[in-house]
Amino acid sequence: MAAPPQSEFFPGLDEDSMRVRLLQYDLQPIEGIWQYKAEQMTLGIERCTGVDEAEYRIILLHSADMELMPGMVIGYLASSVDETKYRLWLYSERNRLTLHGPMEAVATFDREKGTIIFDPPHWRAKVRLNFTRFLPSIFRVVSVTPEIVDQKLPVGFNKIYPIEGDTRRFNKIRYL
């Protein structure tokens, strides 16, 4: 697991202060301010260090849910060999002021459209009972098999700042 078991918290971080933070360094294309319409949230994505494989953290900047505090880290991203695919971890459980239980998914980043799309895992357990106990050492009495459920429409984020046409350039770090 690459995401910490509990979320971090950055008090006082909102959309305006996130814009200021983002102006302080060269941005990668995935960094910026995003809308998560399905959950009525505004999010910030910025680089992070010291979190196993994760390279970017996803910070809540505004939410329609008044119990969620701006500045909470709601997830992480890690790049892959394919520059359009990222490993995404989003916290799935809440315990008062902390989030925990990160769930993993694959996110697809479309730089031109300014979207990050992911399909949360949909699983169902299939239980099989073997009352005849034929070959009990191989076929157990009870077995549980995970099974993928029909796919649903994916959800995702839309980029609202900075957009590709901005005068600021997205720079990739080059090693010489």
N, C-alpha and C. Protein backbone atom coordinates (compact mmCIF):
# COMPACT_ATOMS: atom_id res chain seq x y z
N MET A 1 0.85 -1.18 0.00
CA MET A 1 0.00 0.00 0.00
C MET A 1 0.89 1.23 0.00
N ALA A 2 0.55 2.19 -0.83
CA ALA A 2 1.38 3.39 -0.95
C ALA A 2 0.80 4.58 -0.21
N ALA A 3 -0.46 4.55 0.12
CA ALA A 3 -1.08 5.67 0.83
C ALA A 3 -1.04 5.40 2.33
N PRO A 4 -0.81 6.44 3.13
CA PRO A 4 -0.84 6.25 4.59
C PRO A 4 -2.22 5.76 5.04
N PRO A 5 -2.29 5.04 6.14
CA PRO A 5 -3.58 4.52 6.59
C PRO A 5 -4.57 5.62 6.99
N GLN A 6 -4.06 6.79 7.40
CA GLN A 6 -4.92 7.93 7.76
C GLN A 6 -4.53 9.15 6.96
N SER A 7 -5.48 10.04 6.77
CA SER A 7 -5.22 11.26 6.00
C SER A 7 -4.46 12.29 6.82
N GLU A 8 -3.82 13.20 6.10
CA GLU A 8 -3.16 14.34 6.72
C GLU A 8 -4.13 15.51 6.70
N PHE A 9 -3.74 16.59 7.38
CA PHE A 9 -4.58 17.78 7.42
C PHE A 9 -3.70 19.02 7.34
N PHE A 10 -4.05 19.94 6.44
CA PHE A 10 -3.35 21.21 6.27
C PHE A 10 -4.32 22.33 6.60
N PRO A 11 -4.36 22.80 7.85
CA PRO A 11 -5.35 23.81 8.24
C PRO A 11 -5.18 25.11 7.45
N GLY A 12 -6.32 25.74 7.15
CA GLY A 12 -6.32 27.04 6.49
C GLY A 12 -6.09 27.00 4.99
N LEU A 13 -6.09 25.82 4.40
CA LEU A 13 -5.87 25.71 2.96
C LEU A 13 -7.20 25.76 2.24
N ASP A 14 -7.36 26.74 1.35
CA ASP A 14 -8.57 26.86 0.54
C ASP A 14 -8.16 27.13 -0.90
N GLU A 15 -9.12 27.42 -1.76
CA GLU A 15 -8.82 27.59 -3.18
C GLU A 15 -7.85 28.74 -3.44
N ASP A 16 -8.03 29.87 -2.76
CA ASP A 16 -7.15 31.02 -2.97
C ASP A 16 -5.72 30.72 -2.51
N SER A 17 -5.57 30.13 -1.34
CA SER A 17 -4.23 29.83 -0.84
C SER A 17 -3.57 28.72 -1.68
N MET A 18 -4.37 27.84 -2.26
CA MET A 18 -3.82 26.81 -3.13
C MET A 18 -3.27 27.43 -4.41
N ARG A 19 -3.97 28.42 -4.95
CA ARG A 19 -3.46 29.11 -6.15
C ARG A 19 -2.09 29.73 -5.85
N VAL A 20 -1.96 30.34 -4.68
CA VAL A 20 -0.68 30.94 -4.29
C VAL A 20 0.40 29.86 -4.19
N ARG A 21 0.07 28.73 -3.58
CA ARG A 21 1.04 27.62 -3.46
C ARG A 21 1.48 27.13 -4.82
N LEU A 22 0.52 27.01 -5.75
CA LEU A 22 0.84 26.49 -7.08
C LEU A 22 1.71 27.45 -7.88
N LEU A 23 1.61 28.74 -7.61
CA LEU A 23 2.42 29.73 -8.33
C LEU A 23 3.88 29.71 -7.89
N GLN A 24 4.20 29.03 -6.80
CA GLN A 24 5.55 29.06 -6.25
C GLN A 24 6.53 28.14 -6.97
N TYR A 25 6.05 27.23 -7.80
CA TYR A 25 6.97 26.32 -8.49
C TYR A 25 6.41 25.92 -9.84
N ASP A 26 7.30 25.37 -10.69
CA ASP A 26 6.87 24.87 -11.99
C ASP A 26 5.93 23.70 -11.81
N LEU A 27 4.82 23.75 -12.51
CA LEU A 27 3.79 22.73 -12.34
C LEU A 27 3.95 21.60 -13.33
N GLN A 28 3.62 20.41 -12.88
CA GLN A 28 3.44 19.29 -13.78
C GLN A 28 2.00 19.38 -14.31
N PRO A 29 1.71 18.81 -15.47
CA PRO A 29 0.37 18.95 -16.05
C PRO A 29 -0.77 18.49 -15.14
N ILE A 30 -0.53 17.54 -14.27
CA ILE A 30 -1.61 17.02 -13.41
C ILE A 30 -1.86 17.92 -12.20
N GLU A 31 -0.93 18.79 -11.88
CA GLU A 31 -1.09 19.66 -10.72
C GLU A 31 -2.04 20.81 -11.03
N GLY A 32 -2.81 21.21 -10.02
CA GLY A 32 -3.73 22.32 -10.18
C GLY A 32 -4.94 22.18 -9.29
N ILE A 33 -5.99 22.90 -9.66
CA ILE A 33 -7.25 22.87 -8.92
C ILE A 33 -8.28 22.17 -9.80
N TRP A 34 -9.00 21.24 -9.19
CA TRP A 34 -9.92 20.37 -9.91
C TRP A 34 -11.29 20.39 -9.25
N GLN A 35 -12.33 20.15 -10.07
CA GLN A 35 -13.69 19.97 -9.56
C GLN A 35 -14.03 18.49 -9.61
N TYR A 36 -14.62 18.00 -8.51
CA TYR A 36 -15.10 16.62 -8.43
C TYR A 36 -16.62 16.74 -8.31
N LYS A 37 -17.28 16.84 -9.47
CA LYS A 37 -18.71 17.15 -9.52
C LYS A 37 -19.57 16.09 -8.84
N ALA A 38 -19.20 14.82 -8.94
CA ALA A 38 -20.01 13.75 -8.35
C ALA A 38 -20.16 13.92 -6.83
N GLU A 39 -19.14 14.49 -6.19
CA GLU A 39 -19.17 14.66 -4.74
C GLU A 39 -19.28 16.14 -4.33
N GLN A 40 -19.46 17.03 -5.30
CA GLN A 40 -19.58 18.47 -5.06
C GLN A 40 -18.39 18.99 -4.25
N MET A 41 -17.18 18.73 -4.77
CA MET A 41 -15.95 19.12 -4.10
C MET A 41 -15.04 19.88 -5.05
N THR A 42 -14.23 20.76 -4.49
CA THR A 42 -13.13 21.39 -5.20
C THR A 42 -11.86 20.85 -4.56
N LEU A 43 -10.93 20.38 -5.40
CA LEU A 43 -9.73 19.71 -4.92
C LEU A 43 -8.48 20.37 -5.46
N GLY A 44 -7.41 20.24 -4.72
CA GLY A 44 -6.10 20.67 -5.20
C GLY A 44 -5.20 19.46 -5.32
N ILE A 45 -4.43 19.39 -6.40
CA ILE A 45 -3.45 18.32 -6.57
C ILE A 45 -2.08 18.97 -6.64
N GLU A 46 -1.19 18.52 -5.74
CA GLU A 46 0.17 19.06 -5.70
C GLU A 46 1.15 17.94 -5.42
N ARG A 47 2.43 18.19 -5.75
CA ARG A 47 3.48 17.21 -5.48
C ARG A 47 3.65 17.00 -3.99
N CYS A 48 4.07 15.81 -3.63
CA CYS A 48 4.36 15.52 -2.23
C CYS A 48 5.58 14.61 -2.15
N THR A 49 6.18 14.56 -0.98
CA THR A 49 7.31 13.68 -0.75
C THR A 49 7.07 12.91 0.54
N GLY A 50 7.79 11.83 0.69
CA GLY A 50 7.72 11.06 1.92
C GLY A 50 6.52 10.15 2.06
N VAL A 51 5.83 9.86 0.96
CA VAL A 51 4.66 8.97 1.01
C VAL A 51 4.92 7.82 0.04
N ASP A 52 5.54 6.74 0.52
CA ASP A 52 5.87 5.56 -0.29
C ASP A 52 5.97 5.85 -1.78
N GLU A 53 5.03 5.32 -2.56
CA GLU A 53 5.05 5.46 -4.01
C GLU A 53 4.35 6.74 -4.49
N ALA A 54 3.50 7.31 -3.69
CA ALA A 54 2.68 8.44 -4.13
C ALA A 54 3.55 9.66 -4.43
N GLU A 55 3.24 10.31 -5.55
CA GLU A 55 3.97 11.50 -5.96
C GLU A 55 3.15 12.77 -5.78
N TYR A 56 1.82 12.62 -5.76
CA TYR A 56 0.93 13.77 -5.65
C TYR A 56 -0.11 13.51 -4.57
N ARG A 57 -0.50 14.55 -3.87
CA ARG A 57 -1.57 14.42 -2.89
C ARG A 57 -2.77 15.21 -3.39
N ILE A 58 -3.95 14.74 -3.02
CA ILE A 58 -5.22 15.37 -3.40
C ILE A 58 -5.80 15.98 -2.14
N ILE A 59 -5.93 17.30 -2.13
CA ILE A 59 -6.35 18.03 -0.94
C ILE A 59 -7.73 18.64 -1.17
N LEU A 60 -8.61 18.47 -0.20
CA LEU A 60 -9.94 19.07 -0.27
C LEU A 60 -9.84 20.57 -0.04
N LEU A 61 -10.40 21.36 -0.96
CA LEU A 61 -10.38 22.82 -0.82
C LEU A 61 -11.77 23.37 -0.47
N HIS A 62 -12.80 22.69 -0.96
CA HIS A 62 -14.18 23.10 -0.65
C HIS A 62 -15.09 21.90 -0.87
N SER A 63 -16.12 21.78 -0.04
CA SER A 63 -17.07 20.69 -0.17
C SER A 63 -18.45 21.14 0.25
N ALA A 64 -19.46 20.57 -0.40
CA ALA A 64 -20.84 20.83 0.01
C ALA A 64 -21.13 20.15 1.35
N ASP A 65 -20.37 19.09 1.68
CA ASP A 65 -20.49 18.39 2.96
C ASP A 65 -19.76 19.21 4.02
N MET A 66 -20.50 19.86 4.89
CA MET A 66 -19.92 20.76 5.89
C MET A 66 -19.09 20.04 6.95
N GLU A 67 -19.20 18.72 7.04
CA GLU A 67 -18.40 17.98 8.02
C GLU A 67 -16.97 17.76 7.55
N LEU A 68 -16.74 17.92 6.25
CA LEU A 68 -15.39 17.77 5.72
C LEU A 68 -14.69 19.12 5.76
N MET A 69 -13.50 19.14 6.32
CA MET A 69 -12.75 20.37 6.52
C MET A 69 -11.82 20.65 5.34
N PRO A 70 -11.81 21.88 4.82
CA PRO A 70 -10.82 22.24 3.81
C PRO A 70 -9.41 22.01 4.36
N GLY A 71 -8.55 21.44 3.55
CA GLY A 71 -7.20 21.12 3.97
C GLY A 71 -6.98 19.63 4.25
N MET A 72 -8.07 18.83 4.22
CA MET A 72 -7.93 17.39 4.42
C MET A 72 -7.38 16.75 3.16
N VAL A 73 -6.42 15.86 3.31
CA VAL A 73 -5.92 15.09 2.17
C VAL A 73 -6.91 13.94 1.97
N ILE A 74 -7.52 13.90 0.78
CA ILE A 74 -8.51 12.85 0.52
C ILE A 74 -7.96 11.71 -0.32
N GLY A 75 -6.73 11.88 -0.84
CA GLY A 75 -6.16 10.82 -1.65
C GLY A 75 -4.78 11.14 -2.18
N TYR A 76 -4.25 10.19 -2.96
CA TYR A 76 -2.90 10.32 -3.53
C TYR A 76 -2.90 9.77 -4.95
N LEU A 77 -1.90 10.20 -5.72
CA LEU A 77 -1.70 9.71 -7.08
C LEU A 77 -0.24 9.31 -7.26
N ALA A 78 0.01 8.29 -8.07
CA ALA A 78 1.36 7.87 -8.44
C ALA A 78 1.37 7.61 -9.94
N SER A 79 2.39 8.11 -10.62
CA SER A 79 2.47 7.92 -12.06
C SER A 79 2.86 6.49 -12.40
N SER A 80 2.69 6.15 -13.68
CA SER A 80 3.04 4.81 -14.16
C SER A 80 3.87 4.96 -15.43
N VAL A 81 4.18 3.86 -16.06
CA VAL A 81 4.94 3.89 -17.30
C VAL A 81 4.17 4.64 -18.39
N ASP A 82 2.87 4.48 -18.41
CA ASP A 82 2.00 5.18 -19.35
C ASP A 82 1.69 6.55 -18.74
N GLU A 83 2.11 7.63 -19.41
CA GLU A 83 1.95 8.97 -18.84
C GLU A 83 0.49 9.41 -18.68
N THR A 84 -0.45 8.64 -19.22
CA THR A 84 -1.86 8.98 -19.05
C THR A 84 -2.52 8.18 -17.92
N LYS A 85 -1.82 7.20 -17.37
CA LYS A 85 -2.38 6.33 -16.32
C LYS A 85 -1.69 6.60 -14.99
N TYR A 86 -2.48 6.67 -13.94
CA TYR A 86 -1.99 6.89 -12.58
C TYR A 86 -2.63 5.90 -11.63
N ARG A 87 -1.90 5.53 -10.59
CA ARG A 87 -2.50 4.78 -9.48
C ARG A 87 -3.14 5.82 -8.58
N LEU A 88 -4.38 5.61 -8.24
CA LEU A 88 -5.15 6.55 -7.43
C LEU A 88 -5.58 5.87 -6.15
N TRP A 89 -5.36 6.55 -5.02
CA TRP A 89 -5.86 6.09 -3.74
C TRP A 89 -6.78 7.17 -3.20
N LEU A 90 -8.03 6.82 -2.90
CA LEU A 90 -8.97 7.73 -2.27
C LEU A 90 -9.41 7.10 -0.95
N TYR A 91 -9.45 7.91 0.09
CA TYR A 91 -9.90 7.40 1.38
C TYR A 91 -11.39 7.13 1.31
N SER A 92 -11.80 6.00 1.87
CA SER A 92 -13.19 5.57 1.72
C SER A 92 -13.99 5.61 3.02
N GLU A 93 -13.33 5.85 4.15
CA GLU A 93 -14.03 5.84 5.43
C GLU A 93 -13.69 7.10 6.22
N ARG A 94 -14.64 7.52 7.05
CA ARG A 94 -14.44 8.72 7.85
C ARG A 94 -14.64 8.39 9.32
N ASN A 95 -13.75 8.92 10.15
CA ASN A 95 -13.84 8.77 11.60
C ASN A 95 -13.67 10.17 12.19
N ARG A 96 -14.77 10.84 12.41
CA ARG A 96 -14.78 12.23 12.88
C ARG A 96 -13.99 13.12 11.93
N LEU A 97 -12.82 13.59 12.36
CA LEU A 97 -12.06 14.53 11.54
C LEU A 97 -10.96 13.89 10.70
N THR A 98 -10.84 12.57 10.73
CA THR A 98 -9.82 11.92 9.90
C THR A 98 -10.46 10.98 8.90
N LEU A 99 -9.78 10.81 7.81
CA LEU A 99 -10.20 9.86 6.78
C LEU A 99 -9.24 8.68 6.84
N HIS A 100 -9.73 7.49 6.54
CA HIS A 100 -8.88 6.30 6.54
C HIS A 100 -9.44 5.29 5.55
N GLY A 101 -8.75 4.17 5.42
CA GLY A 101 -9.18 3.10 4.51
C GLY A 101 -9.03 3.47 3.05
N PRO A 102 -7.79 3.73 2.58
CA PRO A 102 -7.63 4.10 1.17
C PRO A 102 -7.98 2.95 0.23
N MET A 103 -8.78 3.26 -0.79
CA MET A 103 -9.14 2.30 -1.84
C MET A 103 -8.35 2.66 -3.09
N GLU A 104 -7.89 1.66 -3.80
CA GLU A 104 -7.05 1.89 -4.97
C GLU A 104 -7.84 1.72 -6.27
N ALA A 105 -7.51 2.55 -7.25
CA ALA A 105 -8.11 2.47 -8.58
C ALA A 105 -7.09 2.96 -9.60
N VAL A 106 -7.38 2.77 -10.86
CA VAL A 106 -6.55 3.30 -11.94
C VAL A 106 -7.25 4.53 -12.49
N ALA A 107 -6.51 5.64 -12.56
CA ALA A 107 -7.05 6.89 -13.08
C ALA A 107 -6.42 7.19 -14.43
N THR A 108 -7.22 7.70 -15.35
CA THR A 108 -6.73 8.08 -16.68
C THR A 108 -6.75 9.59 -16.78
N PHE A 109 -5.60 10.18 -17.05
CA PHE A 109 -5.43 11.63 -17.15
C PHE A 109 -5.41 12.03 -18.62
N ASP A 110 -6.35 12.89 -19.01
CA ASP A 110 -6.39 13.43 -20.36
C ASP A 110 -6.00 14.90 -20.28
N ARG A 111 -4.77 15.19 -20.66
CA ARG A 111 -4.23 16.55 -20.54
C ARG A 111 -4.99 17.55 -21.40
N GLU A 112 -5.34 17.16 -22.61
CA GLU A 112 -6.03 18.07 -23.52
C GLU A 112 -7.43 18.42 -23.03
N LYS A 113 -8.16 17.45 -22.52
CA LYS A 113 -9.52 17.70 -22.03
C LYS A 113 -9.52 18.24 -20.60
N GLY A 114 -8.42 18.08 -19.88
CA GLY A 114 -8.35 18.51 -18.50
C GLY A 114 -9.22 17.66 -17.59
N THR A 115 -9.11 16.32 -17.75
CA THR A 115 -9.92 15.41 -16.94
C THR A 115 -9.06 14.30 -16.35
N ILE A 116 -9.48 13.83 -15.19
CA ILE A 116 -8.96 12.60 -14.59
C ILE A 116 -10.18 11.73 -14.38
N ILE A 117 -10.20 10.58 -15.04
CA ILE A 117 -11.35 9.68 -14.96
C ILE A 117 -10.92 8.38 -14.31
N PHE A 118 -11.75 7.87 -13.41
CA PHE A 118 -11.46 6.59 -12.77
C PHE A 118 -12.76 5.85 -12.55
N ASP A 119 -12.62 4.55 -12.44
CA ASP A 119 -13.77 3.69 -12.19
C ASP A 119 -13.53 3.00 -10.86
N PRO A 120 -14.27 3.37 -9.82
CA PRO A 120 -14.07 2.73 -8.52
C PRO A 120 -14.32 1.23 -8.63
N PRO A 121 -13.62 0.43 -7.84
CA PRO A 121 -13.82 -1.03 -7.93
C PRO A 121 -15.24 -1.43 -7.53
N HIS A 122 -15.80 -2.35 -8.31
CA HIS A 122 -17.14 -2.90 -8.05
C HIS A 122 -16.97 -4.41 -7.90
N TRP A 123 -17.10 -4.91 -6.70
CA TRP A 123 -16.89 -6.32 -6.45
C TRP A 123 -18.12 -6.94 -5.81
N ARG A 124 -18.27 -8.22 -6.05
CA ARG A 124 -19.32 -9.00 -5.42
C ARG A 124 -18.69 -10.34 -5.04
N ALA A 125 -19.08 -10.89 -3.94
CA ALA A 125 -18.53 -12.18 -3.50
C ALA A 125 -19.48 -13.30 -3.90
N LYS A 126 -18.92 -14.34 -4.45
CA LYS A 126 -19.69 -15.51 -4.84
C LYS A 126 -19.32 -16.62 -3.86
N VAL A 127 -20.30 -17.15 -3.15
CA VAL A 127 -20.07 -18.19 -2.14
C VAL A 127 -20.50 -19.54 -2.70
N ARG A 128 -19.64 -20.54 -2.51
CA ARG A 128 -19.95 -21.88 -3.00
C ARG A 128 -19.84 -22.84 -1.82
N LEU A 129 -20.86 -23.66 -1.63
CA LEU A 129 -20.86 -24.67 -0.57
C LEU A 129 -20.67 -26.04 -1.20
N ASN A 130 -19.77 -26.81 -0.62
CA ASN A 130 -19.49 -28.15 -1.12
C ASN A 130 -19.91 -29.15 -0.04
N PHE A 131 -21.17 -29.59 -0.08
CA PHE A 131 -21.67 -30.50 0.95
C PHE A 131 -21.19 -31.93 0.73
N THR A 132 -20.85 -32.28 -0.48
CA THR A 132 -20.41 -33.66 -0.75
C THR A 132 -18.98 -33.89 -0.29
N ARG A 133 -18.24 -32.84 -0.09
CA ARG A 133 -16.85 -32.91 0.37
C ARG A 133 -16.01 -33.81 -0.52
N PHE A 134 -16.22 -33.71 -1.80
CA PHE A 134 -15.39 -34.45 -2.74
C PHE A 134 -14.02 -33.79 -2.77
N LEU A 135 -12.98 -34.54 -2.55
CA LEU A 135 -11.61 -34.05 -2.47
C LEU A 135 -11.51 -32.85 -1.52
N PRO A 136 -11.80 -33.06 -0.24
CA PRO A 136 -11.85 -31.96 0.71
C PRO A 136 -10.55 -31.19 0.87
N SER A 137 -9.41 -31.83 0.58
CA SER A 137 -8.15 -31.08 0.70
C SER A 137 -8.00 -30.06 -0.43
N ILE A 138 -8.66 -30.30 -1.54
CA ILE A 138 -8.57 -29.35 -2.67
C ILE A 138 -9.79 -28.43 -2.68
N PHE A 139 -10.97 -29.03 -2.59
CA PHE A 139 -12.20 -28.24 -2.63
C PHE A 139 -12.74 -28.08 -1.22
N ARG A 140 -12.59 -26.97 -0.65
CA ARG A 140 -13.02 -26.71 0.72
C ARG A 140 -14.54 -26.78 0.83
N VAL A 141 -15.04 -26.88 2.06
CA VAL A 141 -16.47 -26.94 2.28
C VAL A 141 -17.12 -25.63 1.84
N VAL A 142 -16.49 -24.51 2.21
CA VAL A 142 -17.00 -23.19 1.82
C VAL A 142 -15.90 -22.45 1.10
N SER A 143 -16.20 -21.89 -0.06
CA SER A 143 -15.21 -21.06 -0.75
C SER A 143 -15.89 -19.76 -1.18
N VAL A 144 -15.11 -18.68 -1.10
CA VAL A 144 -15.60 -17.36 -1.49
C VAL A 144 -14.74 -16.88 -2.65
N THR A 145 -15.39 -16.52 -3.76
CA THR A 145 -14.68 -16.07 -4.94
C THR A 145 -15.13 -14.64 -5.28
N PRO A 146 -14.18 -13.70 -5.39
CA PRO A 146 -14.58 -12.34 -5.81
C PRO A 146 -14.96 -12.34 -7.29
N GLU A 147 -15.91 -11.52 -7.63
CA GLU A 147 -16.40 -11.47 -8.99
C GLU A 147 -16.67 -10.00 -9.35
N ILE A 148 -16.22 -9.58 -10.53
CA ILE A 148 -16.43 -8.20 -10.95
C ILE A 148 -17.89 -8.03 -11.38
N VAL A 149 -18.51 -6.96 -10.91
CA VAL A 149 -19.89 -6.64 -11.24
C VAL A 149 -19.89 -5.82 -12.52
N ASP A 150 -21.03 -5.75 -13.20
CA ASP A 150 -21.14 -4.95 -14.42
C ASP A 150 -20.55 -3.57 -14.21
N GLN A 151 -19.90 -3.07 -15.24
CA GLN A 151 -19.25 -1.77 -15.12
C GLN A 151 -20.27 -0.65 -15.08
N LYS A 152 -19.93 0.35 -14.31
CA LYS A 152 -20.77 1.54 -14.18
C LYS A 152 -20.06 2.69 -14.89
N LEU A 153 -20.74 3.81 -15.02
CA LEU A 153 -20.09 4.97 -15.61
C LEU A 153 -18.95 5.45 -14.72
N PRO A 154 -17.83 5.81 -15.32
CA PRO A 154 -16.72 6.27 -14.49
C PRO A 154 -17.00 7.67 -13.93
N VAL A 155 -16.30 7.98 -12.87
CA VAL A 155 -16.39 9.31 -12.27
C VAL A 155 -15.01 9.96 -12.39
N GLY A 156 -14.94 11.24 -12.09
CA GLY A 156 -13.63 11.87 -12.20
C GLY A 156 -13.63 13.34 -11.86
N PHE A 157 -12.49 13.97 -12.16
CA PHE A 157 -12.25 15.36 -11.86
C PHE A 157 -12.11 16.16 -13.15
N ASN A 158 -12.51 17.44 -13.10
CA ASN A 158 -12.32 18.37 -14.21
C ASN A 158 -11.41 19.49 -13.74
N LYS A 159 -10.40 19.81 -14.53
CA LYS A 159 -9.43 20.82 -14.15
C LYS A 159 -10.02 22.21 -14.35
N ILE A 160 -9.86 23.07 -13.32
CA ILE A 160 -10.35 24.45 -13.44
C ILE A 160 -9.23 25.48 -13.34
N TYR A 161 -8.03 25.05 -12.85
CA TYR A 161 -6.90 25.97 -12.79
C TYR A 161 -5.61 25.18 -12.69
N PRO A 162 -4.55 25.58 -13.38
CA PRO A 162 -4.53 26.39 -14.59
C PRO A 162 -4.97 25.54 -15.78
N ILE A 163 -5.56 26.17 -16.74
CA ILE A 163 -6.00 25.43 -17.93
C ILE A 163 -4.88 25.47 -18.97
N GLU A 164 -4.91 24.57 -19.93
CA GLU A 164 -3.83 24.42 -20.90
C GLU A 164 -3.50 25.69 -21.66
N GLY A 165 -4.46 26.55 -21.94
CA GLY A 165 -4.21 27.76 -22.70
C GLY A 165 -3.57 28.87 -21.89
N ASP A 166 -3.33 28.64 -20.61
CA ASP A 166 -2.73 29.64 -19.74
C ASP A 166 -1.35 30.06 -20.25
N THR A 167 -0.94 31.25 -19.86
CA THR A 167 0.38 31.73 -20.26
C THR A 167 1.49 30.98 -19.54
N ARG A 168 1.19 30.37 -18.39
CA ARG A 168 2.19 29.58 -17.66
C ARG A 168 2.44 28.28 -18.41
N ARG A 169 3.69 27.87 -18.49
CA ARG A 169 4.03 26.61 -19.13
C ARG A 169 4.11 25.50 -18.11
N PHE A 170 3.74 24.31 -18.55
CA PHE A 170 3.94 23.14 -17.73
C PHE A 170 5.32 22.61 -18.06
N ASN A 171 6.14 22.49 -17.07
CA ASN A 171 7.51 22.02 -17.29
C ASN A 171 7.70 20.65 -16.70
N LYS A 172 8.41 19.83 -17.44
CA LYS A 172 8.82 18.54 -16.92
C LYS A 172 10.26 18.66 -16.47
N ILE A 173 10.59 18.03 -15.38
CA ILE A 173 11.95 18.06 -14.89
C ILE A 173 12.83 17.26 -15.83
N ARG A 174 13.93 17.87 -16.25
CA ARG A 174 14.86 17.19 -17.15
C ARG A 174 16.15 16.96 -16.39
N TYR A 175 16.63 15.75 -16.45
CA TYR A 175 17.89 15.41 -15.81
C TYR A 175 18.96 15.36 -16.87
N LEU A 176 20.05 16.01 -16.60
CA LEU A 176 21.16 16.02 -17.58
C LEU A 176 22.24 15.06 -17.19
